[in-house]
Amino acid sequence: MSMIEFQFSNRHVEMTHVHSDIELFYVMEGTAQFTLEDKQFILHRDDFLVVNVDKNHSYISEGDFLAARLQISYSELSSMM
């Protein structure tokens, strides 16, 4: 993985998963019910959420939906400090 990866997603369901990167999840269109560990958040257009390393997370959305996901490699970032 490079230091930073960027992708768009219009998937309506992202099952619970975890990764070793920091993730910035930004809603560009629509609404998502985002679960982070044991907390739930309703994210609307222009909302974002930062997911720290090794945190379980998932989301569900309906209708027109588009999100941007920016993943920052924790190992690359920590090696620079």
C-alpha atoms as a PDB file:
ATOM      1  CA  MET A   1       0.000   0.000   0.000  1.00  0.00           C
ATOM      2  CA  SER A   2       1.160   3.518  -0.701  1.00  0.00           C
ATOM      3  CA  MET A   3       1.061   6.167   2.011  1.00  0.00           C
ATOM      4  CA  ILE A   4      -2.434   7.300   0.972  1.00  0.00           C
ATOM      5  CA  GLU A   5      -5.127   5.540  -1.045  1.00  0.00           C
ATOM      6  CA  PHE A   6      -8.282   7.233  -2.271  1.00  0.00           C
ATOM      7  CA  GLN A   7     -11.436   5.649  -3.662  1.00  0.00           C
ATOM      8  CA  PHE A   8     -15.072   6.413  -4.319  1.00  0.00           C
ATOM      9  CA  SER A   9     -17.811   4.043  -3.218  1.00  0.00           C
ATOM     10  CA  ASN A  10     -21.477   3.854  -4.160  1.00  0.00           C
ATOM     11  CA  ARG A  11     -21.971   0.508  -2.395  1.00  0.00           C
ATOM     12  CA  HIS A  12     -25.080   0.435  -0.213  1.00  0.00           C
ATOM     13  CA  VAL A  13     -23.717  -2.090   2.277  1.00  0.00           C
ATOM     14  CA  GLU A  14     -20.233  -2.448   3.676  1.00  0.00           C
ATOM     15  CA  MET A  15     -20.073  -5.350   6.103  1.00  0.00           C
ATOM     16  CA  THR A  16     -18.193  -5.058   9.394  1.00  0.00           C
ATOM     17  CA  HIS A  17     -14.468  -5.049   8.811  1.00  0.00           C
ATOM     18  CA  VAL A  18     -11.240  -3.788  10.316  1.00  0.00           C
ATOM     19  CA  HIS A  19      -7.926  -2.706   8.846  1.00  0.00           C
ATOM     20  CA  SER A  20      -4.555  -1.394   9.935  1.00  0.00           C
ATOM     21  CA  ASP A  21      -4.996   1.971   8.241  1.00  0.00           C
ATOM     22  CA  ILE A  22      -6.599   5.223   9.297  1.00  0.00           C
ATOM     23  CA  GLU A  23      -9.723   5.917   7.223  1.00  0.00           C
ATOM     24  CA  LEU A  24     -11.488   9.177   6.487  1.00  0.00           C
ATOM     25  CA  PHE A  25     -15.048   8.424   5.317  1.00  0.00           C
ATOM     26  CA  TYR A  26     -16.752  11.386   3.588  1.00  0.00           C
ATOM     27  CA  VAL A  27     -20.377  11.331   2.384  1.00  0.00           C
ATOM     28  CA  MET A  28     -20.670  13.167  -0.925  1.00  0.00           C
ATOM     29  CA  GLU A  29     -24.288  12.282  -1.671  1.00  0.00           C
ATOM     30  CA  GLY A  30     -27.062  10.632   0.325  1.00  0.00           C
ATOM     31  CA  THR A  31     -27.124   9.341   3.878  1.00  0.00           C
ATOM     32  CA  ALA A  32     -25.386   6.440   5.612  1.00  0.00           C
ATOM     33  CA  GLN A  33     -25.923   4.701   8.916  1.00  0.00           C
ATOM     34  CA  PHE A  34     -22.342   4.157  10.028  1.00  0.00           C
ATOM     35  CA  THR A  35     -21.397   1.797  12.857  1.00  0.00           C
ATOM     36  CA  LEU A  36     -18.046   2.282  14.560  1.00  0.00           C
ATOM     37  CA  GLU A  37     -17.368  -0.330  17.232  1.00  0.00           C
ATOM     38  CA  ASP A  38     -20.535  -0.082  19.401  1.00  0.00           C
ATOM     39  CA  LYS A  39     -21.595   3.431  18.332  1.00  0.00           C
ATOM     40  CA  GLN A  40     -23.909   4.396  15.485  1.00  0.00           C
ATOM     41  CA  PHE A  41     -23.817   7.623  13.501  1.00  0.00           C
ATOM     42  CA  ILE A  42     -26.129   8.975  10.823  1.00  0.00           C
ATOM     43  CA  LEU A  43     -23.955  10.691   8.230  1.00  0.00           C
ATOM     44  CA  HIS A  44     -25.454  13.085   5.685  1.00  0.00           C
ATOM     45  CA  ARG A  45     -24.005  14.870   2.692  1.00  0.00           C
ATOM     46  CA  ASP A  46     -20.741  16.679   3.609  1.00  0.00           C
ATOM     47  CA  ASP A  47     -20.348  14.769   6.896  1.00  0.00           C
ATOM     48  CA  PHE A  48     -17.189  12.820   7.560  1.00  0.00           C
ATOM     49  CA  LEU A  49     -15.932  10.373  10.142  1.00  0.00           C
ATOM     50  CA  VAL A  50     -12.382   9.356  11.014  1.00  0.00           C
ATOM     51  CA  VAL A  51     -11.907   5.654  11.733  1.00  0.00           C
ATOM     52  CA  ASN A  52      -8.796   4.844  13.720  1.00  0.00           C
ATOM     53  CA  VAL A  53      -6.602   1.785  13.255  1.00  0.00           C
ATOM     54  CA  ASP A  54      -8.060  -1.620  14.208  1.00  0.00           C
ATOM     55  CA  LYS A  55     -11.620  -0.377  14.809  1.00  0.00           C
ATOM     56  CA  ASN A  56     -14.572  -2.459  13.590  1.00  0.00           C
ATOM     57  CA  HIS A  57     -16.793  -0.462  11.263  1.00  0.00           C
ATOM     58  CA  SER A  58     -19.554  -0.840   8.689  1.00  0.00           C
ATOM     59  CA  TYR A  59     -22.283   1.157   6.979  1.00  0.00           C
ATOM     60  CA  ILE A  60     -25.662   0.851   5.303  1.00  0.00           C
ATOM     61  CA  SER A  61     -27.162   3.386   2.907  1.00  0.00           C
ATOM     62  CA  GLU A  62     -30.213   3.670   0.656  1.00  0.00           C
ATOM     63  CA  GLY A  63     -31.072   5.521  -2.525  1.00  0.00           C
ATOM     64  CA  ASP A  64     -28.528   7.698  -4.283  1.00  0.00           C
ATOM     65  CA  PHE A  65     -25.284   7.397  -2.356  1.00  0.00           C
ATOM     66  CA  LEU A  66     -21.662   8.290  -2.958  1.00  0.00           C
ATOM     67  CA  ALA A  67     -18.809   8.352  -0.478  1.00  0.00           C
ATOM     68  CA  ALA A  68     -15.109   9.104  -0.704  1.00  0.00           C
ATOM     69  CA  ARG A  69     -12.748   6.957   1.343  1.00  0.00           C
ATOM     70  CA  LEU A  70      -9.232   8.102   2.105  1.00  0.00           C
ATOM     71  CA  GLN A  71      -7.029   5.497   3.744  1.00  0.00           C
ATOM     72  CA  ILE A  72      -3.740   6.552   5.319  1.00  0.00           C
ATOM     73  CA  SER A  73      -1.164   3.862   6.008  1.00  0.00           C
ATOM     74  CA  TYR A  74      -0.516   3.889   9.738  1.00  0.00           C
ATOM     75  CA  SER A  75       2.767   2.012   9.351  1.00  0.00           C
ATOM     76  CA  GLU A  76       4.040   4.459   6.709  1.00  0.00           C
ATOM     77  CA  LEU A  77       2.918   7.435   8.755  1.00  0.00           C
ATOM     78  CA  SER A  78       4.488   6.186  11.982  1.00  0.00           C
ATOM     79  CA  SER A  79       7.783   5.443  10.245  1.00  0.00           C
ATOM     80  CA  MET A  80       8.011   9.152   9.332  1.00  0.00           C
ATOM     81  CA  MET A  81       7.657  10.324  12.922  1.00  0.00           C
END
